Structure formats: C-alpha cells, structure tokens
Amino acid sequence: MSSLRLRFTLVAGISIIIAVGLTGLALSRLFNNYIETQLKAELEYQLEQITNNLRVVNVTRATVDQPTDPRFETPLSGRYWQISVAGNEPTLSASIWIQRFPFLQSSSAPGQIIHQVLTPSDGDPISVAQWRIIQQHQGKDVEVDIAVATDRKQVLIAMTTFRSQIAVWLSILALALLAAAIAQIFLGLRPMEALRRKVEQIKSGNAARLTGSYPSEVVPLVDEVNELLDIQDDTLRQARTRAGDLAHGLKTPITILSAIARQVHKSGLTKAGADISEQIATMDSHVQLELSRARLAAQYVVNCDLVPSVQRVARTIRKIPTSHQIDWHLDMPDKLEVPIEQQDLSEVLGNVLDNARKWARSQVIVRASLEAHEVVLRVEDDGEGVKPAEFNMLTQRGRRLSDTPGGSGLGLSIAKNIMTAYRGDISFYSAAPGGLGVQLTWPHRHST
C-alpha cells in the first residue's frame, strides 16, 4: 500500500467505525441502565403505595383497600400485585387474572426490596419488586410479603427502538466523519501534491529549486532537497570545469601528433602515417566522448530552438567538399523547441547529419515536427542503408558496420548518450529513399 491517502483514509475509516461502534454500545448500555433504573423506581413507588393501603384481614389473608393504579384492576393490563400473609395462599390483583408469579423463597429481611426478572412459562418476561414487612394484627406481628410486577414488553420495545434509531444516526455520523476525514486528508496532503509538482518541474528542467510556501513539517524536507540540489550543482560545475581543463590539456598534444602524422605521411611512409592518423582520430573521438559525458550535467536547462540549430549545422556540413554533390531538403516549422542545451544539441545534430552525409548518394532529407507530446526529428539518406537486424549495433561504442576510412564508430554512440541524458531517444529505420533513417525524439514541454 504505497498511497498515503489510502493509508490515512483506511486508518480513519477503521478508527471511526471502532469509535462509533463503541459509542453505540455505550449509549445503548446507558439507555438500558436508565430504563431499568426508572422501572425499578416506579415499581418501588407502587410497592410503597400498596403497602400504605394494605389491610390485614386475618392471620392468613390481606387486601388493598384503595387501588393505587387503575391498571391493577384491568385484567392482563401488564401491571400486577400479589400479597401473601405468613406464607399462605396469596391475594392477587384483578389484573393477574389466573396466572400468578412466585415469591422469592429466600426472602430478604423486613423492609429490604428485592428486584428480579421472571419469565412465566406461557407469557412475556416481567420485572418484579418484592419486600417483606411486619404488620400488627390483633396485637400480634404478622409477616406480609408484597410483590409488584410489570410486563417488560414495552421496555424491550423501547430498548429495541432506541438501538435501531441510534444505529441509523450513528451510521450517518460515521459517514459524515469519514467524509470530513477524507476532506481533511486531501487538504492536508495538498502541500505534498504541490511538492510533487515542483519535483516534476525540476526533473523536466522547468525549475532549479523547490520554491513556494510549505507547512512547517515539510520545510525541513524542502531545505534538505534544495541543499542536495546545491551540492549536485557544485559537483556538476566541477565536472564541467575538469572537462574543459582536460580538453585544453589534450588539444595541443593531439594537434602536435596530427602534424607529426602528416610529416610521416609526406616522408613516404604512407601506411604508417595513415595508421597514426587513424589512431589519433580514435583517441580524439574517445576524448570527445568522455567530454560529452562530463558536459551532460545540465539537469535544469531552458528550451532550445531546434530549427535554427539544424539549419546552422547543415550549413556547416555543406562546406565539406564531399557535400557539394548532395542535395539537402529541410522540412521544418518556423519554431520548434526541445529541452536540451545548445552545445549538446549541436553535437548531436553534427554527428547525425554528418553520418547521413557520409553515406548519402545524392540527397539528405531532414524533417521536424511536433507529434503528440514529443518533438521528432527525422534524418534520411539515400545511401546503401543498414539491415534492421544491425540497427542496435549503430550506437555501440567503437562499432563500425563498414571498413570505409574516416570514421571511429563513436559519433552515433555519443549522440545516444547525450539524448539519453536529456530523456530523449534515438532510433533507426529504413528510409523511403532506400537508405538509413535516424529519428531523434525529445519530450515536449512549454518554455519557461
């Protein structure tokens, strides 16, 4: 589970369900306790009222002179009383009708009220309140057991109704809390989304640093990333400096060696001079390859206009003597920007266009266009072409598919390294004129 939103939402949902569930159980328990307490209080009140209106008829029987509640006089009304004197046959309220309920055998001390719930074999559960009192009858103490009962049907209905209603309202509350939690999560993670967009801008070259206002919890991360970018910039600048120093340091020795090779060639040692020149060219190509890799440090670049760069490189290549017999066709819009530094773009174009010049018989076609979200440049020659099975060999460093002198097999490899560094791509296809087609692709982004 890699999504923070999903994690937070899942944790919030589980927490809300647990909290609401426990709240429902607690409220249900409190309501049940309240109902039971009220019921016991009402039964105790009725018990006291009946006791106040009690009249002992004889040592075996007692009755109630004035009914304390009309329901005691209505058969099966749900409210009952019964009185037993000295353990004899009890006197029943009119509401009991036929069925009576038992007294507790282990009766408590006089004056102590006992509550119990009874379930008759042929009826609904009832709540009973009972106590034992001592009454005087003809100068003698008489033990009288008095019990008051009420049906629990209405109590159970009230409890069930409460649980149903509280479940509905708590479910609505849970959904509302979950919606609020999701909204809070999205609002809370919005700075992270802004941070992600800034990182994307850095990756695409549209920004060099993380800028903007962030919550205090995220600021340390932003500072660390910016510090890391500063360190990377310093490292890349040092690499560029070392690359420049290396270029200047090797320029003079290579020039001297080239002059010596020409002298050897003029002195009559033609083969030796050619071999030395070839090795010097190879060495120079290797140096240029490593310098190109060192220059590929620019991660934060502005867009570069492709069209004038192609035109400029093509004009330069046309000046090569062998290029006069080649017809160059350039089909490009007025402006087309690509995310690459000018120097690196010129090197890529120089290698690709010069490769087309070497193998073209009579023409080179260059087309550039914006396709979907990519800038595409196609360079086609009408030379002998390359077999599709050998396309992957074209960018292998030092690999040559022909024995024709004048090449080191590094040009297209250098171009591929540069394109890869700028998140571009180089691919090959069989061109319509019969030669090789080279396609350069860059991700398209708006200029900043």
Protein backbone atom coordinates (compact mmCIF):
# COMPACT_ATOMS: atom_id res chain seq x y z
CA MET A 1 0.00 0.00 0.00
CA SER A 2 2.04 2.93 -1.31
CA SER A 3 -0.61 5.68 -1.25
CA LEU A 4 -0.61 7.95 1.79
CA ARG A 5 -4.18 9.00 1.04
CA LEU A 6 -5.30 5.37 1.02
CA ARG A 7 -3.43 4.65 4.24
CA PHE A 8 -4.85 7.68 6.04
CA THR A 9 -8.35 7.00 4.73
CA LEU A 10 -8.18 3.36 5.80
CA VAL A 11 -6.92 4.25 9.28
CA ALA A 12 -9.53 7.00 9.63
CA GLY A 13 -12.31 4.67 8.46
CA ILE A 14 -11.31 1.89 10.88
CA SER A 15 -10.93 4.37 13.74
CA ILE A 16 -14.32 5.95 13.03
CA ILE A 17 -16.04 2.56 12.83
CA ILE A 18 -14.49 1.46 16.12
CA ALA A 19 -15.27 4.77 17.85
CA VAL A 20 -18.85 4.92 16.57
CA GLY A 21 -19.40 1.25 17.40
CA LEU A 22 -18.15 1.71 20.96
CA THR A 23 -20.25 4.87 21.26
CA GLY A 24 -23.33 2.94 20.15
CA LEU A 25 -22.66 0.19 22.68
CA ALA A 26 -22.09 2.74 25.44
CA LEU A 27 -25.25 4.70 24.60
CA SER A 28 -27.28 1.51 24.40
CA ARG A 29 -25.93 0.38 27.76
CA LEU A 30 -26.62 3.78 29.33
CA PHE A 31 -30.15 3.83 27.93
CA ASN A 32 -30.81 0.30 29.18
CA ASN A 33 -29.50 1.22 32.62
CA TYR A 34 -31.64 4.35 32.64
CA ILE A 35 -34.78 2.41 31.66
CA GLU A 36 -34.09 -0.27 34.27
CA THR A 37 -33.47 2.35 36.95
CA GLN A 38 -36.68 4.18 36.09
CA LEU A 39 -38.61 0.91 36.04
CA LYS A 40 -37.26 -0.11 39.45
CA ALA A 41 -38.05 3.32 40.86
CA GLU A 42 -41.61 3.09 39.57
CA LEU A 43 -42.08 -0.42 40.98
CA GLU A 44 -40.72 0.68 44.35
CA TYR A 45 -43.13 3.61 44.35
CA GLN A 46 -46.04 1.28 43.57
CA LEU A 47 -44.80 -1.10 46.26
CA GLU A 48 -44.86 1.68 48.84
CA GLN A 49 -48.33 2.82 47.72
CA ILE A 50 -49.75 -0.68 48.05
CA THR A 51 -48.10 -1.07 51.44
CA ASN A 52 -49.70 2.18 52.62
CA ASN A 53 -53.14 0.92 51.54
CA LEU A 54 -52.63 -2.59 52.91
CA ARG A 55 -55.19 -4.06 55.31
CA VAL A 56 -54.62 -7.37 57.08
CA VAL A 57 -57.91 -9.23 57.20
CA ASN A 58 -56.67 -12.11 59.35
CA VAL A 59 -53.51 -14.04 60.01
CA THR A 60 -53.77 -15.72 56.60
CA ARG A 61 -55.09 -13.02 54.33
CA ALA A 62 -54.60 -9.34 53.49
CA THR A 63 -56.01 -6.99 50.86
CA VAL A 64 -55.64 -3.48 49.46
CA ASP A 65 -58.43 -1.09 50.32
CA GLN A 66 -57.93 1.51 47.57
CA PRO A 67 -56.31 0.71 44.20
CA THR A 68 -53.24 2.86 43.63
CA ASP A 69 -53.30 2.39 39.84
CA PRO A 70 -56.32 1.60 37.64
CA ARG A 71 -54.23 -0.91 35.72
CA PHE A 72 -54.22 -3.18 38.77
CA GLU A 73 -57.96 -3.59 38.25
CA THR A 74 -57.80 -4.30 34.49
CA PRO A 75 -57.20 -7.95 33.53
CA LEU A 76 -53.88 -8.59 31.81
CA SER A 77 -53.08 -4.86 31.82
CA GLY A 78 -49.39 -5.50 32.40
CA ARG A 79 -49.31 -4.15 35.96
CA TYR A 80 -49.85 -6.64 38.84
CA TRP A 81 -49.58 -7.12 42.60
CA GLN A 82 -49.92 -10.02 44.97
CA ILE A 83 -49.82 -10.27 48.77
CA SER A 84 -49.11 -13.28 50.96
CA VAL A 85 -49.54 -13.36 54.75
CA ALA A 86 -47.28 -15.72 56.67
CA GLY A 87 -46.62 -17.80 53.57
CA ASN A 88 -50.29 -18.62 52.95
CA GLU A 89 -52.14 -18.51 49.63
CA PRO A 90 -51.56 -15.05 48.16
CA THR A 91 -54.16 -12.45 47.39
CA LEU A 92 -53.95 -11.38 43.72
CA SER A 93 -54.80 -8.16 41.94
CA ALA A 94 -57.64 -8.32 39.43
CA SER A 95 -55.15 -7.75 36.61
CA ILE A 96 -53.37 -11.07 37.24
CA TRP A 97 -56.46 -12.94 36.18
CA ILE A 98 -55.41 -16.57 36.68
CA GLN A 99 -51.61 -16.85 36.39
CA ARG A 100 -49.61 -15.76 39.40
CA PHE A 101 -45.90 -15.24 39.86
CA PRO A 102 -43.83 -16.85 42.60
CA PHE A 103 -42.37 -15.10 45.61
CA LEU A 104 -38.69 -15.36 46.27
CA GLN A 105 -38.20 -18.28 48.60
CA SER A 106 -35.10 -16.75 50.13
CA SER A 107 -36.93 -13.63 51.17
CA SER A 108 -34.87 -10.78 52.50
CA ALA A 109 -35.01 -9.12 55.86
CA PRO A 110 -38.11 -7.00 56.52
CA GLY A 111 -38.01 -3.66 54.70
CA GLN A 112 -35.42 -4.69 52.08
CA ILE A 113 -36.63 -4.53 48.48
CA ILE A 114 -35.59 -7.28 46.09
CA HIS A 115 -35.81 -6.92 42.28
CA GLN A 116 -35.94 -9.80 39.86
CA VAL A 117 -36.93 -10.63 36.30
CA LEU A 118 -39.21 -13.63 35.83
CA THR A 119 -40.27 -15.39 32.65
CA PRO A 120 -43.54 -17.30 33.05
CA SER A 121 -43.87 -20.48 31.03
CA ASP A 122 -46.74 -19.07 28.99
CA GLY A 123 -46.07 -15.35 29.00
CA ASP A 124 -43.64 -12.50 28.45
CA PRO A 125 -40.88 -11.60 30.92
CA ILE A 126 -41.92 -9.45 33.88
CA SER A 127 -39.99 -7.27 36.32
CA VAL A 128 -40.85 -7.87 39.97
CA ALA A 129 -40.19 -5.79 43.10
CA GLN A 130 -40.82 -7.55 46.42
CA TRP A 131 -40.34 -6.90 50.07
CA ARG A 132 -41.41 -8.29 53.45
CA ILE A 133 -42.96 -6.14 56.13
CA ILE A 134 -44.21 -6.75 59.69
CA GLN A 135 -47.81 -5.76 60.39
CA GLN A 136 -49.76 -5.77 63.68
CA HIS A 137 -52.96 -7.77 63.75
CA GLN A 138 -54.82 -8.19 67.00
CA GLY A 139 -51.65 -7.49 68.93
CA LYS A 140 -49.56 -9.99 67.01
CA ASP A 141 -46.75 -9.44 64.48
CA VAL A 142 -47.67 -10.81 61.08
CA GLU A 143 -45.15 -11.22 58.23
CA VAL A 144 -46.56 -9.97 54.95
CA ASP A 145 -44.83 -10.48 51.54
CA ILE A 146 -45.84 -7.87 48.96
CA ALA A 147 -44.81 -8.05 45.29
CA VAL A 148 -45.46 -5.66 42.42
CA ALA A 149 -44.78 -6.62 38.80
CA THR A 150 -44.94 -5.12 35.34
CA ASP A 151 -44.60 -6.55 31.84
CA ARG A 152 -41.22 -5.97 30.19
CA LYS A 153 -42.68 -5.95 26.69
CA GLN A 154 -42.80 -2.16 26.47
CA VAL A 155 -39.35 -1.92 28.00
CA LEU A 156 -37.93 -4.31 25.42
CA ILE A 157 -39.72 -2.44 22.62
CA ALA A 158 -38.27 0.86 23.86
CA MET A 159 -34.77 -0.61 24.03
CA THR A 160 -35.02 -2.15 20.55
CA THR A 161 -36.40 1.08 19.08
CA PHE A 162 -33.62 3.09 20.69
CA ARG A 163 -30.93 0.75 19.37
CA SER A 164 -32.40 0.90 15.86
CA GLN A 165 -32.62 4.67 15.85
CA ILE A 166 -29.21 5.18 17.39
CA ALA A 167 -27.72 2.78 14.82
CA VAL A 168 -29.18 4.87 11.98
CA TRP A 169 -27.98 8.17 13.40
CA LEU A 170 -24.56 6.82 14.31
CA SER A 171 -24.20 5.43 10.78
CA ILE A 172 -24.99 8.88 9.38
CA LEU A 173 -22.49 10.36 11.83
CA ALA A 174 -19.85 7.82 10.78
CA LEU A 175 -20.33 8.69 7.10
CA ALA A 176 -20.13 12.40 7.90
CA LEU A 177 -16.97 11.88 9.94
CA LEU A 178 -15.44 9.75 7.19
CA ALA A 179 -16.25 12.42 4.60
CA ALA A 180 -14.72 15.06 6.86
CA ALA A 181 -11.65 12.87 7.40
CA ILE A 182 -11.21 12.35 3.66
CA ALA A 183 -11.55 16.08 3.05
CA GLN A 184 -9.03 16.75 5.81
CA ILE A 185 -6.63 14.19 4.32
CA PHE A 186 -6.87 15.74 0.85
CA LEU A 187 -6.41 19.25 2.24
CA GLY A 188 -3.58 18.10 4.49
CA LEU A 189 -1.74 16.37 1.64
CA ARG A 190 -2.22 19.23 -0.80
CA PRO A 191 1.23 20.68 0.06
CA MET A 192 2.71 17.27 -0.76
CA GLU A 193 0.99 17.37 -4.15
CA ALA A 194 2.45 20.84 -4.73
CA LEU A 195 5.84 19.47 -3.70
CA ARG A 196 5.45 16.60 -6.16
CA ARG A 197 4.66 19.03 -8.99
CA LYS A 198 7.75 21.07 -8.11
CA VAL A 199 9.88 17.93 -8.22
CA GLU A 200 8.40 17.11 -11.63
CA GLN A 201 9.34 20.60 -12.81
CA ILE A 202 12.89 20.02 -11.61
CA LYS A 203 13.03 16.67 -13.40
CA SER A 204 11.73 18.20 -16.63
CA GLY A 205 14.10 21.18 -16.36
CA ASN A 206 11.42 23.82 -15.74
CA ALA A 207 12.75 24.65 -12.28
CA ALA A 208 16.07 24.52 -10.48
CA ARG A 209 14.88 24.57 -6.85
CA LEU A 210 11.89 23.77 -4.68
CA THR A 211 10.18 27.10 -4.14
CA GLY A 212 6.93 28.16 -2.53
CA SER A 213 5.29 28.13 0.88
CA TYR A 214 5.06 24.80 2.70
CA PRO A 215 3.85 23.68 6.15
CA SER A 216 6.44 23.73 8.90
CA GLU A 217 6.50 19.91 8.94
CA VAL A 218 7.56 19.83 5.27
CA VAL A 219 10.01 22.74 5.33
CA PRO A 220 12.95 20.61 6.64
CA LEU A 221 12.46 18.18 3.74
CA VAL A 222 12.35 21.06 1.24
CA ASP A 223 15.53 22.53 2.71
CA GLU A 224 17.30 19.16 2.55
CA VAL A 225 16.30 18.65 -1.08
CA ASN A 226 17.45 22.15 -2.05
CA GLU A 227 20.72 21.60 -0.23
CA LEU A 228 21.18 18.32 -2.10
CA LEU A 229 20.50 20.12 -5.39
CA ASP A 230 23.09 22.75 -4.48
CA ILE A 231 25.66 20.04 -3.80
CA GLN A 232 24.80 18.38 -7.10
CA ASP A 233 25.16 21.68 -8.94
CA ASP A 234 28.58 22.23 -7.39
CA THR A 235 29.65 18.73 -8.35
CA LEU A 236 28.43 19.19 -11.91
CA ARG A 237 30.14 22.54 -12.26
CA GLN A 238 33.38 20.98 -11.08
CA ALA A 239 32.93 18.17 -13.62
CA ARG A 240 32.42 20.71 -16.39
CA THR A 241 35.50 22.60 -15.27
CA ARG A 242 37.59 19.44 -15.23
CA ALA A 243 36.24 18.50 -18.67
CA GLY A 244 37.24 21.89 -20.03
CA ASP A 245 40.68 21.61 -18.49
CA LEU A 246 41.07 18.16 -20.00
CA ALA A 247 40.02 19.43 -23.42
CA HIS A 248 42.54 22.25 -23.32
CA GLY A 249 45.22 19.95 -21.93
CA LEU A 250 44.83 17.38 -24.73
CA LYS A 251 44.22 19.80 -27.57
CA THR A 252 47.87 20.73 -28.06
CA PRO A 253 49.30 17.17 -27.83
CA ILE A 254 46.73 15.87 -30.31
CA THR A 255 47.47 18.75 -32.68
CA ILE A 256 51.21 18.02 -32.48
CA LEU A 257 50.64 14.31 -33.06
CA SER A 258 48.46 15.12 -36.07
CA ALA A 259 51.23 17.28 -37.51
CA ILE A 260 53.76 14.51 -36.93
CA ALA A 261 51.46 12.04 -38.68
CA ARG A 262 51.24 14.33 -41.70
CA GLN A 263 55.03 14.64 -41.80
CA VAL A 264 55.37 10.87 -41.65
CA HIS A 265 52.87 10.59 -44.49
CA LYS A 266 54.77 13.17 -46.58
CA SER A 267 58.07 11.43 -45.93
CA GLY A 268 56.86 8.45 -47.91
CA LEU A 269 55.64 6.28 -45.07
CA THR A 270 52.08 6.48 -46.32
CA LYS A 271 50.72 3.45 -44.50
CA ALA A 272 52.38 4.35 -41.22
CA GLY A 273 51.11 7.92 -41.48
CA ALA A 274 47.59 6.71 -42.19
CA ASP A 275 47.71 4.31 -39.24
CA ILE A 276 48.96 7.04 -36.92
CA SER A 277 46.27 9.45 -38.16
CA GLU A 278 43.61 6.83 -37.63
CA GLN A 279 44.77 6.17 -34.06
CA ILE A 280 44.89 9.90 -33.37
CA ALA A 281 41.33 10.24 -34.69
CA THR A 282 40.24 7.35 -32.50
CA MET A 283 41.92 8.89 -29.47
CA ASP A 284 40.33 12.26 -30.22
CA SER A 285 36.91 10.60 -30.54
CA HIS A 286 37.32 8.87 -27.19
CA VAL A 287 38.29 12.16 -25.59
CA GLN A 288 35.29 13.87 -27.13
CA LEU A 289 33.04 11.05 -25.90
CA GLU A 290 34.21 11.44 -22.32
CA LEU A 291 33.96 15.21 -22.57
CA SER A 292 30.40 14.86 -23.81
CA ARG A 293 29.52 12.68 -20.86
CA ALA A 294 31.03 15.21 -18.50
CA ARG A 295 29.07 18.02 -20.15
CA LEU A 296 25.79 16.16 -19.69
CA ALA A 297 25.48 17.70 -16.27
CA ALA A 298 22.81 20.24 -17.03
CA GLN A 299 19.68 18.96 -15.38
CA TYR A 300 17.99 22.36 -15.32
CA VAL A 301 18.00 23.76 -18.83
CA VAL A 302 15.76 26.04 -20.79
CA ASN A 303 14.32 25.07 -24.13
CA CYS A 304 16.48 25.38 -27.20
CA ASP A 305 15.09 26.16 -30.66
CA LEU A 306 15.71 23.13 -32.86
CA VAL A 307 15.11 24.75 -36.27
CA PRO A 308 17.98 27.29 -36.41
CA SER A 309 20.31 24.71 -34.87
CA VAL A 310 19.58 22.24 -37.69
CA GLN A 311 19.99 24.97 -40.29
CA ARG A 312 23.31 26.10 -38.82
CA VAL A 313 24.77 22.58 -38.61
CA ALA A 314 23.54 21.77 -42.13
CA ARG A 315 25.24 24.92 -43.49
CA THR A 316 28.47 23.88 -41.80
CA ILE A 317 28.36 20.35 -43.22
CA ARG A 318 27.60 21.68 -46.72
CA LYS A 319 31.03 23.34 -46.66
CA ILE A 320 32.73 19.94 -46.56
CA PRO A 321 34.00 19.27 -50.12
CA THR A 322 32.24 15.92 -50.47
CA SER A 323 28.91 17.54 -49.55
CA HIS A 324 28.61 19.75 -52.64
CA GLN A 325 27.09 16.92 -54.67
CA ILE A 326 24.43 16.18 -52.01
CA ASP A 327 21.03 17.87 -52.11
CA TRP A 328 19.77 18.82 -48.64
CA HIS A 329 15.98 19.05 -48.07
CA LEU A 330 14.91 20.69 -44.80
CA ASP A 331 11.22 20.43 -43.92
CA MET A 332 10.63 22.09 -40.55
CA PRO A 333 8.25 24.60 -38.94
CA ASP A 334 9.41 28.10 -38.10
CA LYS A 335 9.96 27.31 -34.43
CA LEU A 336 10.23 24.07 -32.51
CA GLU A 337 11.75 23.93 -29.04
CA VAL A 338 13.45 20.97 -27.39
CA PRO A 339 14.75 20.56 -23.80
CA ILE A 340 18.50 20.38 -24.40
CA GLU A 341 21.46 22.73 -24.13
CA GLN A 342 22.59 24.39 -27.34
CA GLN A 343 26.10 22.93 -27.23
CA ASP A 344 24.87 19.38 -26.72
CA LEU A 345 22.18 19.79 -29.39
CA SER A 346 24.80 20.95 -31.89
CA GLU A 347 26.93 17.90 -31.13
CA VAL A 348 24.00 15.50 -31.60
CA LEU A 349 22.98 17.16 -34.86
CA GLY A 350 26.57 17.25 -36.07
CA ASN A 351 27.04 13.52 -35.54
CA VAL A 352 23.69 12.54 -37.07
CA LEU A 353 23.82 14.88 -40.08
CA ASP A 354 27.46 14.11 -40.77
CA ASN A 355 26.68 10.39 -40.69
CA ALA A 356 23.92 10.98 -43.26
CA ARG A 357 26.36 12.98 -45.43
CA LYS A 358 28.93 10.19 -45.39
CA TRP A 359 26.52 7.56 -46.70
CA ALA A 360 24.15 9.58 -48.90
CA ARG A 361 24.43 9.21 -52.66
CA SER A 362 22.59 12.34 -53.73
CA GLN A 363 20.27 13.67 -51.03
CA VAL A 364 19.58 14.02 -47.32
CA ILE A 365 16.07 14.77 -46.06
CA VAL A 366 15.55 16.39 -42.66
CA ARG A 367 12.04 16.66 -41.22
CA ALA A 368 10.97 18.02 -37.83
CA SER A 369 7.51 18.06 -36.29
CA LEU A 370 5.55 18.05 -33.05
CA GLU A 371 3.74 14.72 -32.62
CA ALA A 372 1.51 14.19 -29.58
CA HIS A 373 3.73 15.16 -26.64
CA GLU A 374 7.04 14.67 -28.42
CA VAL A 375 9.30 16.63 -30.74
CA VAL A 376 10.50 14.36 -33.54
CA LEU A 377 13.41 14.98 -35.92
CA ARG A 378 13.95 12.53 -38.79
CA VAL A 379 17.11 12.44 -40.91
CA GLU A 380 17.06 10.21 -44.01
CA ASP A 381 19.74 9.50 -46.61
CA ASP A 382 19.56 7.59 -49.90
CA GLY A 383 22.66 5.50 -49.31
CA GLU A 384 23.04 1.76 -49.05
CA GLY A 385 21.16 1.63 -45.75
CA VAL A 386 21.53 -0.77 -42.84
CA LYS A 387 19.83 -4.08 -42.24
CA PRO A 388 17.19 -3.84 -39.47
CA ALA A 389 18.97 -6.61 -37.58
CA GLU A 390 22.02 -4.35 -37.33
CA PHE A 391 20.23 -1.22 -36.06
CA ASN A 392 21.20 -1.92 -32.46
CA MET A 393 24.88 -2.02 -33.45
CA LEU A 394 24.85 1.56 -34.72
CA THR A 395 25.10 3.05 -31.22
CA GLN A 396 27.61 0.57 -29.84
CA ARG A 397 30.76 2.46 -28.99
CA GLY A 398 33.55 1.87 -31.50
CA ARG A 399 31.41 -0.50 -33.58
CA ARG A 400 31.62 0.15 -37.33
CA LEU A 401 29.48 -1.57 -39.95
CA SER A 402 31.81 -0.58 -42.81
CA ASP A 403 35.54 -0.60 -43.45
CA THR A 404 35.37 2.78 -45.16
CA PRO A 405 38.07 5.04 -43.64
CA GLY A 406 37.26 8.30 -41.91
CA GLY A 407 35.15 7.15 -39.00
CA SER A 408 35.69 5.89 -35.47
CA GLY A 409 32.29 4.36 -34.73
CA LEU A 410 31.69 6.80 -31.87
CA GLY A 411 29.52 9.52 -33.43
CA LEU A 412 26.12 7.86 -33.03
CA SER A 413 27.17 6.44 -29.65
CA ILE A 414 27.93 9.96 -28.43
CA ALA A 415 24.60 11.15 -29.82
CA LYS A 416 22.75 8.38 -27.98
CA ASN A 417 24.48 9.21 -24.67
CA ILE A 418 23.52 12.85 -25.00
CA MET A 419 19.91 12.08 -25.96
CA THR A 420 19.53 9.67 -23.06
CA ALA A 421 20.87 12.26 -20.63
CA TYR A 422 18.12 14.67 -21.72
CA ARG A 423 15.41 11.97 -21.53
CA GLY A 424 15.31 11.80 -25.30
CA ASP A 425 15.70 8.85 -27.62
CA ILE A 426 17.45 7.91 -30.84
CA SER A 427 16.15 5.13 -33.08
CA PHE A 428 16.68 3.88 -36.61
CA TYR A 429 14.50 2.75 -39.50
CA SER A 430 14.76 2.01 -43.20
CA ALA A 431 14.20 5.26 -45.09
CA ALA A 432 11.94 5.53 -48.13
CA PRO A 433 14.79 6.61 -50.45
CA GLY A 434 16.46 3.30 -49.62
CA GLY A 435 19.00 4.47 -47.07
CA LEU A 436 19.07 4.82 -43.30
CA GLY A 437 16.58 6.86 -41.30
CA VAL A 438 17.56 8.28 -37.91
CA GLN A 439 14.81 9.50 -35.58
CA LEU A 440 15.54 11.81 -32.65
CA THR A 441 12.78 12.25 -30.07
CA TRP A 442 12.52 14.71 -27.17
CA PRO A 443 9.74 15.14 -24.62
CA HIS A 444 7.87 18.34 -25.40
CA ARG A 445 7.41 20.95 -22.70
CA HIS A 446 6.47 24.60 -22.75
CA SER A 447 9.23 27.11 -22.42
CA THR A 448 9.58 28.95 -19.13
